[in-house]
């Protein structure tokens, strides 16, 4: 900032603070409106200068107040709008669809096995677990711990 002393322009070493945007609450805006309306017409300009306001502020606030919007006088959030989070209903339905698709794949595999089984699983006589394990051991020639692969064999 330049100052003039003795007819010369000199630089002022004082660093001014960066201006901040003022934000008024709805109550403060309504107070300004009431005081402005109560001020005589010839003194309204002085009122605006005294409070650092412009007539456009008053016009905008008056329009918002008369439109009946209660939140209209609240200061608005500046900047980029936040993206809304995913709808919980959509998330729940997507999980349900994934679960049902997994069941469908599993059911399709069961149907394929039943198609390829000419004798039919329900017509076979039940096999005791010890007998089944013994047959698996004979077939594999392995130890008992390796019979897990025979668990579905008849």
N, C-alpha and C. Protein backbone atom coordinates (compact mmCIF):
# COMPACT_ATOMS: atom_id res chain seq x y z
N UNK A 1 0.84 -1.17 0.00
CA UNK A 1 0.00 0.00 0.00
C UNK A 1 0.89 1.23 0.00
N UNK A 2 0.51 2.20 -0.79
CA UNK A 2 1.30 3.43 -0.87
C UNK A 2 0.69 4.50 0.01
N UNK A 3 1.56 5.27 0.63
CA UNK A 3 1.10 6.41 1.42
C UNK A 3 1.83 7.65 0.92
N UNK A 4 1.24 8.79 1.13
CA UNK A 4 1.90 10.02 0.71
C UNK A 4 2.28 10.82 1.95
N UNK A 5 3.54 11.09 2.06
CA UNK A 5 4.04 11.94 3.15
C UNK A 5 4.91 13.02 2.51
N UNK A 6 4.66 14.24 2.86
CA UNK A 6 5.41 15.37 2.33
C UNK A 6 5.38 15.42 0.81
N UNK A 7 4.25 14.98 0.23
CA UNK A 7 4.12 15.06 -1.23
C UNK A 7 4.80 13.92 -1.96
N UNK A 8 5.42 12.98 -1.24
CA UNK A 8 6.09 11.85 -1.89
C UNK A 8 5.30 10.58 -1.61
N UNK A 9 5.25 9.71 -2.60
CA UNK A 9 4.59 8.41 -2.43
C UNK A 9 5.63 7.42 -1.93
N UNK A 10 5.36 6.82 -0.78
CA UNK A 10 6.28 5.82 -0.23
C UNK A 10 5.51 4.53 0.04
N UNK A 11 6.23 3.44 0.03
CA UNK A 11 5.60 2.14 0.28
C UNK A 11 5.38 1.97 1.78
N UNK A 12 4.22 1.46 2.13
CA UNK A 12 3.89 1.20 3.52
C UNK A 12 4.32 -0.23 3.84
N UNK A 13 5.21 -0.44 4.82
CA UNK A 13 5.70 -1.79 5.10
C UNK A 13 4.67 -2.68 5.80
N UNK A 14 3.56 -2.10 6.21
CA UNK A 14 2.56 -2.89 6.92
C UNK A 14 1.88 -3.86 5.96
N UNK A 15 1.83 -5.13 6.37
CA UNK A 15 1.17 -6.16 5.56
C UNK A 15 -0.27 -6.29 6.05
N UNK A 16 -1.18 -6.09 5.12
CA UNK A 16 -2.58 -6.17 5.48
C UNK A 16 -3.04 -7.63 5.51
N UNK A 17 -3.94 -7.90 6.43
CA UNK A 17 -4.48 -9.25 6.54
C UNK A 17 -5.39 -9.52 5.35
N UNK A 18 -5.32 -10.76 4.85
CA UNK A 18 -6.15 -11.13 3.71
C UNK A 18 -7.62 -11.06 4.12
N UNK A 19 -8.43 -10.48 3.27
CA UNK A 19 -9.85 -10.31 3.57
C UNK A 19 -10.54 -11.66 3.64
N UNK A 20 -11.44 -11.80 4.61
CA UNK A 20 -12.21 -13.02 4.77
C UNK A 20 -13.65 -12.75 4.32
N UNK A 21 -14.25 -13.74 3.73
CA UNK A 21 -15.65 -13.62 3.34
C UNK A 21 -16.50 -13.67 4.60
N UNK A 22 -17.41 -12.71 4.70
CA UNK A 22 -18.29 -12.68 5.87
C UNK A 22 -19.48 -13.59 5.61
N UNK A 23 -19.89 -14.31 6.63
CA UNK A 23 -21.06 -15.18 6.53
C UNK A 23 -22.00 -14.82 7.67
N UNK A 24 -23.20 -14.47 7.29
CA UNK A 24 -24.20 -14.07 8.28
C UNK A 24 -25.18 -15.21 8.51
N UNK A 25 -25.58 -15.39 9.75
CA UNK A 25 -26.60 -16.38 10.05
C UNK A 25 -27.96 -15.84 9.64
N UNK A 26 -28.95 -16.72 9.62
CA UNK A 26 -30.30 -16.31 9.24
C UNK A 26 -30.84 -15.27 10.23
N UNK A 27 -30.54 -15.46 11.50
CA UNK A 27 -31.02 -14.51 12.52
C UNK A 27 -30.41 -13.12 12.29
N UNK A 28 -29.12 -13.09 11.97
CA UNK A 28 -28.44 -11.80 11.74
C UNK A 28 -29.01 -11.12 10.49
N UNK A 29 -29.27 -11.89 9.44
CA UNK A 29 -29.83 -11.32 8.22
C UNK A 29 -31.22 -10.72 8.48
N UNK A 30 -32.03 -11.45 9.26
CA UNK A 30 -33.36 -10.92 9.60
C UNK A 30 -33.25 -9.65 10.44
N UNK A 31 -32.26 -9.61 11.32
CA UNK A 31 -32.04 -8.41 12.14
C UNK A 31 -31.67 -7.23 11.24
N UNK A 32 -30.76 -7.46 10.27
CA UNK A 32 -30.40 -6.38 9.34
C UNK A 32 -31.62 -5.91 8.57
N UNK A 33 -32.45 -6.86 8.11
CA UNK A 33 -33.65 -6.48 7.37
C UNK A 33 -34.60 -5.62 8.21
N UNK A 34 -34.84 -6.04 9.45
CA UNK A 34 -35.75 -5.27 10.32
C UNK A 34 -35.20 -3.87 10.60
N UNK A 35 -33.90 -3.78 10.91
CA UNK A 35 -33.30 -2.49 11.20
C UNK A 35 -33.31 -1.60 9.96
N UNK A 36 -33.04 -2.20 8.79
CA UNK A 36 -33.02 -1.43 7.55
C UNK A 36 -34.42 -0.88 7.26
N UNK A 37 -35.44 -1.72 7.43
CA UNK A 37 -36.81 -1.27 7.18
C UNK A 37 -37.24 -0.20 8.19
N UNK A 38 -36.71 -0.27 9.40
CA UNK A 38 -37.08 0.71 10.43
C UNK A 38 -36.35 2.04 10.25
N UNK A 39 -35.26 2.04 9.50
CA UNK A 39 -34.48 3.25 9.27
C UNK A 39 -35.22 4.16 8.30
N UNK A 40 -35.24 5.47 8.54
CA UNK A 40 -35.87 6.40 7.58
C UNK A 40 -35.19 6.33 6.22
N UNK A 41 -35.94 6.62 5.16
CA UNK A 41 -35.43 6.44 3.80
C UNK A 41 -34.17 7.24 3.51
N UNK A 42 -34.01 8.40 4.06
CA UNK A 42 -32.82 9.20 3.79
C UNK A 42 -31.56 8.69 4.50
N UNK A 43 -31.70 7.86 5.50
CA UNK A 43 -30.55 7.38 6.27
C UNK A 43 -30.21 5.93 5.99
N UNK A 44 -30.87 5.32 5.03
CA UNK A 44 -30.62 3.90 4.75
C UNK A 44 -29.23 3.67 4.14
N UNK A 45 -28.77 4.59 3.32
CA UNK A 45 -27.43 4.46 2.74
C UNK A 45 -26.37 4.48 3.83
N UNK A 46 -26.54 5.40 4.82
CA UNK A 46 -25.59 5.47 5.93
C UNK A 46 -25.63 4.18 6.75
N UNK A 47 -26.83 3.62 6.92
CA UNK A 47 -26.95 2.35 7.67
C UNK A 47 -26.16 1.25 6.96
N UNK A 48 -26.31 1.16 5.63
CA UNK A 48 -25.59 0.14 4.87
C UNK A 48 -24.08 0.33 4.97
N UNK A 49 -23.61 1.59 4.85
CA UNK A 49 -22.17 1.86 4.96
C UNK A 49 -21.65 1.52 6.35
N UNK A 50 -22.44 1.85 7.36
CA UNK A 50 -22.03 1.60 8.74
C UNK A 50 -21.82 0.09 8.99
N UNK A 51 -22.65 -0.74 8.37
CA UNK A 51 -22.55 -2.19 8.58
C UNK A 51 -21.80 -2.90 7.46
N UNK A 52 -21.31 -2.16 6.48
CA UNK A 52 -20.55 -2.76 5.38
C UNK A 52 -21.39 -3.63 4.47
N UNK A 53 -22.63 -3.22 4.25
CA UNK A 53 -23.54 -3.99 3.41
C UNK A 53 -23.83 -3.24 2.12
N UNK A 54 -24.42 -3.97 1.18
CA UNK A 54 -24.84 -3.37 -0.09
C UNK A 54 -26.35 -3.52 -0.21
N UNK A 55 -26.93 -2.68 -1.04
CA UNK A 55 -28.38 -2.76 -1.22
C UNK A 55 -28.78 -4.09 -1.86
N UNK A 56 -27.87 -4.68 -2.64
CA UNK A 56 -28.17 -5.98 -3.24
C UNK A 56 -28.32 -7.06 -2.17
N UNK A 57 -27.55 -6.94 -1.05
CA UNK A 57 -27.72 -7.88 0.05
C UNK A 57 -29.15 -7.81 0.59
N UNK A 58 -29.59 -6.59 0.84
CA UNK A 58 -30.93 -6.38 1.40
C UNK A 58 -31.99 -6.91 0.44
N UNK A 59 -31.84 -6.62 -0.86
CA UNK A 59 -32.82 -7.08 -1.84
C UNK A 59 -32.89 -8.61 -1.88
N UNK A 60 -31.73 -9.24 -1.89
CA UNK A 60 -31.70 -10.71 -1.94
C UNK A 60 -32.31 -11.31 -0.69
N UNK A 61 -31.94 -10.78 0.47
CA UNK A 61 -32.44 -11.32 1.75
C UNK A 61 -33.95 -11.09 1.87
N UNK A 62 -34.42 -9.94 1.38
CA UNK A 62 -35.86 -9.65 1.45
C UNK A 62 -36.62 -10.64 0.56
N UNK A 63 -36.11 -10.88 -0.64
CA UNK A 63 -36.75 -11.82 -1.57
C UNK A 63 -36.80 -13.23 -0.96
N UNK A 64 -35.69 -13.65 -0.35
CA UNK A 64 -35.65 -14.98 0.27
C UNK A 64 -36.60 -15.07 1.46
N UNK A 65 -36.68 -14.01 2.23
CA UNK A 65 -37.56 -14.02 3.41
C UNK A 65 -39.03 -14.05 3.01
N UNK A 66 -39.39 -13.31 1.96
CA UNK A 66 -40.80 -13.28 1.54
C UNK A 66 -41.21 -14.53 0.80
N UNK A 67 -40.26 -15.27 0.24
CA UNK A 67 -40.61 -16.51 -0.48
C UNK A 67 -41.00 -17.62 0.49
N UNK A 68 -40.76 -17.40 1.78
CA UNK A 68 -41.17 -18.37 2.79
C UNK A 68 -40.14 -19.46 3.05
N UNK A 69 -39.00 -19.36 2.47
CA UNK A 69 -37.96 -20.36 2.69
C UNK A 69 -37.26 -20.06 4.01
N UNK A 70 -37.39 -20.96 4.95
CA UNK A 70 -36.75 -20.75 6.23
C UNK A 70 -35.23 -20.89 6.12
N UNK A 71 -34.79 -21.83 5.32
CA UNK A 71 -33.35 -22.08 5.19
C UNK A 71 -32.70 -21.15 4.17
N UNK A 72 -33.49 -20.36 3.47
CA UNK A 72 -32.94 -19.52 2.41
C UNK A 72 -31.97 -18.49 2.95
N UNK A 73 -32.18 -18.06 4.17
CA UNK A 73 -31.30 -17.03 4.72
C UNK A 73 -30.03 -17.62 5.36
N UNK A 74 -29.96 -18.92 5.49
CA UNK A 74 -28.74 -19.53 6.03
C UNK A 74 -27.63 -19.45 4.98
N UNK A 75 -26.39 -19.27 5.42
CA UNK A 75 -25.29 -19.23 4.45
C UNK A 75 -25.15 -20.58 3.74
N UNK A 76 -24.86 -20.53 2.45
CA UNK A 76 -24.73 -21.75 1.66
C UNK A 76 -23.29 -22.23 1.67
N UNK A 77 -23.12 -23.54 1.60
CA UNK A 77 -21.79 -24.14 1.54
C UNK A 77 -21.18 -23.82 0.18
N UNK A 78 -19.97 -23.30 0.19
CA UNK A 78 -19.30 -22.96 -1.05
C UNK A 78 -18.45 -24.14 -1.51
N UNK A 79 -18.14 -24.14 -2.80
CA UNK A 79 -17.24 -25.16 -3.33
C UNK A 79 -17.98 -26.32 -3.96
N UNK A 80 -17.20 -27.35 -4.26
CA UNK A 80 -17.73 -28.52 -4.93
C UNK A 80 -18.67 -29.29 -4.01
N UNK A 81 -19.75 -29.74 -4.57
CA UNK A 81 -20.73 -30.50 -3.81
C UNK A 81 -20.19 -31.90 -3.54
N UNK A 82 -20.51 -32.42 -2.37
CA UNK A 82 -20.09 -33.78 -2.04
C UNK A 82 -20.97 -34.77 -2.77
N UNK A 83 -20.33 -35.88 -3.17
CA UNK A 83 -21.11 -36.94 -3.80
C UNK A 83 -21.85 -37.69 -2.70
N UNK A 84 -23.11 -37.96 -2.92
CA UNK A 84 -23.84 -38.70 -1.90
C UNK A 84 -23.33 -40.13 -1.82
N UNK A 85 -23.32 -40.68 -0.62
CA UNK A 85 -22.89 -42.06 -0.42
C UNK A 85 -23.87 -43.01 -1.09
N UNK A 86 -23.47 -44.27 -1.21
CA UNK A 86 -24.38 -45.22 -1.85
C UNK A 86 -25.63 -45.42 -1.01
N UNK A 87 -26.73 -45.58 -1.68
CA UNK A 87 -28.00 -45.80 -1.02
C UNK A 87 -27.95 -47.15 -0.31
N UNK A 88 -28.27 -47.20 0.99
CA UNK A 88 -28.18 -48.47 1.72
C UNK A 88 -29.09 -49.55 1.14
N UNK A 89 -30.22 -49.15 0.58
CA UNK A 89 -31.13 -50.12 -0.04
C UNK A 89 -30.47 -50.76 -1.26
N UNK A 90 -29.78 -49.95 -2.06
CA UNK A 90 -29.10 -50.46 -3.25
C UNK A 90 -27.98 -51.42 -2.84
N UNK A 91 -27.22 -51.05 -1.80
CA UNK A 91 -26.13 -51.92 -1.32
C UNK A 91 -26.70 -53.26 -0.86
N UNK A 92 -27.80 -53.22 -0.10
CA UNK A 92 -28.41 -54.45 0.40
C UNK A 92 -28.89 -55.32 -0.76
N UNK A 93 -29.52 -54.70 -1.76
CA UNK A 93 -30.02 -55.47 -2.89
C UNK A 93 -28.89 -56.05 -3.74
N UNK A 94 -27.79 -55.33 -3.87
CA UNK A 94 -26.65 -55.86 -4.63
C UNK A 94 -26.05 -57.08 -3.94
N UNK A 95 -25.96 -57.03 -2.61
CA UNK A 95 -25.45 -58.19 -1.86
C UNK A 95 -26.39 -59.37 -2.04
N UNK A 96 -27.69 -59.10 -2.00
CA UNK A 96 -28.67 -60.16 -2.16
C UNK A 96 -28.56 -60.78 -3.56
N UNK A 97 -28.39 -59.96 -4.59
CA UNK A 97 -28.25 -60.47 -5.95
C UNK A 97 -27.00 -61.33 -6.06
N UNK A 98 -25.89 -60.89 -5.47
CA UNK A 98 -24.65 -61.68 -5.53
C UNK A 98 -24.84 -63.02 -4.83
N UNK A 99 -25.51 -63.02 -3.68
CA UNK A 99 -25.75 -64.26 -2.94
C UNK A 99 -26.64 -65.20 -3.76
N UNK A 100 -27.68 -64.67 -4.39
CA UNK A 100 -28.58 -65.50 -5.18
C UNK A 100 -27.91 -66.03 -6.45
N UNK A 101 -27.02 -65.24 -7.05
CA UNK A 101 -26.28 -65.72 -8.21
C UNK A 101 -25.36 -66.87 -7.83
N UNK A 102 -24.76 -66.78 -6.66
CA UNK A 102 -23.89 -67.85 -6.18
C UNK A 102 -24.70 -69.12 -5.96
N UNK A 103 -25.90 -68.99 -5.38
CA UNK A 103 -26.77 -70.15 -5.18
C UNK A 103 -27.19 -70.74 -6.52
N UNK A 104 -27.44 -69.88 -7.50
CA UNK A 104 -27.85 -70.35 -8.83
C UNK A 104 -26.75 -71.17 -9.49
N UNK A 105 -25.52 -70.71 -9.38
CA UNK A 105 -24.38 -71.45 -9.94
C UNK A 105 -24.26 -72.81 -9.26
N UNK A 106 -24.40 -72.82 -7.94
CA UNK A 106 -24.32 -74.07 -7.19
C UNK A 106 -25.46 -75.01 -7.59
N UNK A 107 -26.67 -74.49 -7.74
CA UNK A 107 -27.80 -75.32 -8.15
C UNK A 107 -27.59 -75.87 -9.55
N UNK A 108 -26.99 -75.06 -10.44
CA UNK A 108 -26.70 -75.53 -11.79
C UNK A 108 -25.72 -76.69 -11.78
N UNK A 109 -24.72 -76.64 -10.90
CA UNK A 109 -23.76 -77.75 -10.79
C UNK A 109 -24.46 -79.01 -10.29
N UNK A 110 -25.35 -78.88 -9.32
CA UNK A 110 -26.09 -80.04 -8.80
C UNK A 110 -26.94 -80.65 -9.90
N UNK A 111 -27.58 -79.84 -10.70
CA UNK A 111 -28.43 -80.34 -11.79
C UNK A 111 -27.58 -81.07 -12.82
N UNK A 112 -26.40 -80.55 -13.12
CA UNK A 112 -25.50 -81.22 -14.07
C UNK A 112 -25.09 -82.59 -13.57
N UNK A 113 -24.77 -82.68 -12.28
CA UNK A 113 -24.38 -83.97 -11.70
C UNK A 113 -25.56 -84.94 -11.78
N UNK A 114 -26.75 -84.46 -11.50
CA UNK A 114 -27.93 -85.32 -11.55
C UNK A 114 -28.24 -85.77 -12.97
N UNK A 115 -27.98 -84.94 -13.96
CA UNK A 115 -28.20 -85.31 -15.36
C UNK A 115 -27.23 -86.41 -15.78
N UNK A 116 -25.98 -86.31 -15.32
CA UNK A 116 -24.93 -87.25 -15.72
C UNK A 116 -24.98 -88.55 -14.92
N UNK A 117 -25.82 -88.65 -13.93
CA UNK A 117 -25.91 -89.83 -13.07
C UNK A 117 -27.10 -90.68 -13.52
N UNK A 118 -26.88 -91.71 -14.38
CA UNK A 118 -28.01 -92.47 -14.93
C UNK A 118 -28.75 -93.30 -13.89
N UNK A 119 -28.06 -93.80 -12.87
CA UNK A 119 -28.72 -94.66 -11.89
C UNK A 119 -29.57 -93.84 -10.93
N UNK A 120 -29.22 -92.60 -10.75
CA UNK A 120 -29.97 -91.74 -9.84
C UNK A 120 -29.49 -91.93 -8.41
N UNK A 121 -29.23 -90.88 -7.73
CA UNK A 121 -28.68 -90.95 -6.38
C UNK A 121 -29.69 -91.52 -5.40
N UNK A 122 -30.99 -91.31 -5.64
CA UNK A 122 -31.98 -91.77 -4.69
C UNK A 122 -32.22 -93.28 -4.76
N UNK A 123 -31.81 -93.95 -5.84
CA UNK A 123 -32.03 -95.38 -5.98
C UNK A 123 -30.90 -96.21 -5.38
N UNK A 124 -29.78 -95.61 -5.07
CA UNK A 124 -28.65 -96.37 -4.52
C UNK A 124 -28.89 -96.69 -3.05
N UNK A 125 -28.44 -97.85 -2.61
CA UNK A 125 -28.56 -98.16 -1.19
C UNK A 125 -27.56 -97.34 -0.39
N UNK A 126 -27.91 -96.93 0.82
CA UNK A 126 -26.97 -96.15 1.62
C UNK A 126 -25.74 -96.98 1.98
N UNK A 127 -24.58 -96.33 1.97
CA UNK A 127 -23.31 -97.00 2.27
C UNK A 127 -22.83 -96.50 3.62
N UNK A 128 -22.42 -97.41 4.46
CA UNK A 128 -21.89 -97.03 5.77
C UNK A 128 -20.58 -96.29 5.58
N UNK A 129 -20.30 -95.38 6.50
CA UNK A 129 -19.09 -94.55 6.39
C UNK A 129 -17.83 -95.40 6.44
N UNK A 130 -17.79 -96.38 7.35
CA UNK A 130 -16.57 -97.21 7.46
C UNK A 130 -16.34 -98.00 6.18
N UNK A 131 -17.41 -98.52 5.60
CA UNK A 131 -17.29 -99.29 4.36
C UNK A 131 -16.79 -98.39 3.24
N UNK A 132 -17.36 -97.22 3.16
CA UNK A 132 -16.95 -96.27 2.12
C UNK A 132 -15.49 -95.91 2.28
N UNK A 133 -15.06 -95.62 3.50
CA UNK A 133 -13.65 -95.26 3.75
C UNK A 133 -12.73 -96.42 3.41
N UNK A 134 -13.15 -97.63 3.72
CA UNK A 134 -12.32 -98.80 3.43
C UNK A 134 -12.17 -98.97 1.92
N UNK A 135 -13.27 -98.78 1.18
CA UNK A 135 -13.21 -98.90 -0.28
C UNK A 135 -12.29 -97.83 -0.84
N UNK A 136 -12.38 -96.61 -0.33
CA UNK A 136 -11.52 -95.53 -0.81
C UNK A 136 -10.06 -95.84 -0.53
N UNK A 137 -9.79 -96.40 0.64
CA UNK A 137 -8.40 -96.74 0.97
C UNK A 137 -7.87 -97.81 0.04
N UNK A 138 -8.70 -98.80 -0.28
CA UNK A 138 -8.26 -99.85 -1.19
C UNK A 138 -7.99 -99.28 -2.58
N UNK A 139 -8.87 -98.37 -3.02
CA UNK A 139 -8.73 -97.80 -4.35
C UNK A 139 -7.51 -96.90 -4.45
N UNK A 140 -7.25 -96.13 -3.42
CA UNK A 140 -6.18 -95.14 -3.50
C UNK A 140 -4.84 -95.70 -3.08
N UNK A 141 -4.84 -96.66 -2.15
CA UNK A 141 -3.58 -97.17 -1.65
C UNK A 141 -2.87 -96.13 -0.79
N UNK A 142 -3.59 -95.19 -0.26
CA UNK A 142 -3.00 -94.12 0.55
C UNK A 142 -3.41 -94.28 2.00
N UNK A 143 -2.84 -93.38 2.82
CA UNK A 143 -3.18 -93.39 4.23
C UNK A 143 -4.59 -92.84 4.43
N UNK A 144 -5.11 -93.06 5.62
CA UNK A 144 -6.47 -92.63 5.95
C UNK A 144 -6.62 -91.11 5.83
N UNK A 145 -5.57 -90.32 6.12
CA UNK A 145 -5.68 -88.86 6.08
C UNK A 145 -5.91 -88.33 4.67
N UNK A 146 -5.64 -89.17 3.66
CA UNK A 146 -5.81 -88.72 2.28
C UNK A 146 -7.13 -89.15 1.68
N UNK A 147 -8.07 -89.58 2.51
CA UNK A 147 -9.34 -90.06 1.99
C UNK A 147 -10.36 -88.95 1.82
N UNK A 148 -9.98 -87.71 2.10
CA UNK A 148 -10.96 -86.64 2.01
C UNK A 148 -11.54 -86.52 0.61
N UNK A 149 -10.80 -86.89 -0.41
CA UNK A 149 -11.28 -86.77 -1.77
C UNK A 149 -12.33 -87.83 -2.10
N UNK A 150 -12.42 -88.86 -1.28
CA UNK A 150 -13.40 -89.92 -1.51
C UNK A 150 -14.73 -89.65 -0.79
N UNK A 151 -14.83 -88.58 -0.09
CA UNK A 151 -16.01 -88.35 0.75
C UNK A 151 -17.31 -88.38 -0.05
N UNK A 152 -17.29 -88.02 -1.33
CA UNK A 152 -18.52 -88.01 -2.12
C UNK A 152 -18.70 -89.29 -2.94
N UNK A 153 -17.74 -90.19 -2.87
CA UNK A 153 -17.85 -91.44 -3.63
C UNK A 153 -18.86 -92.35 -2.97
N UNK A 154 -19.58 -93.18 -3.77
CA UNK A 154 -20.56 -94.10 -3.17
C UNK A 154 -19.90 -95.28 -2.51
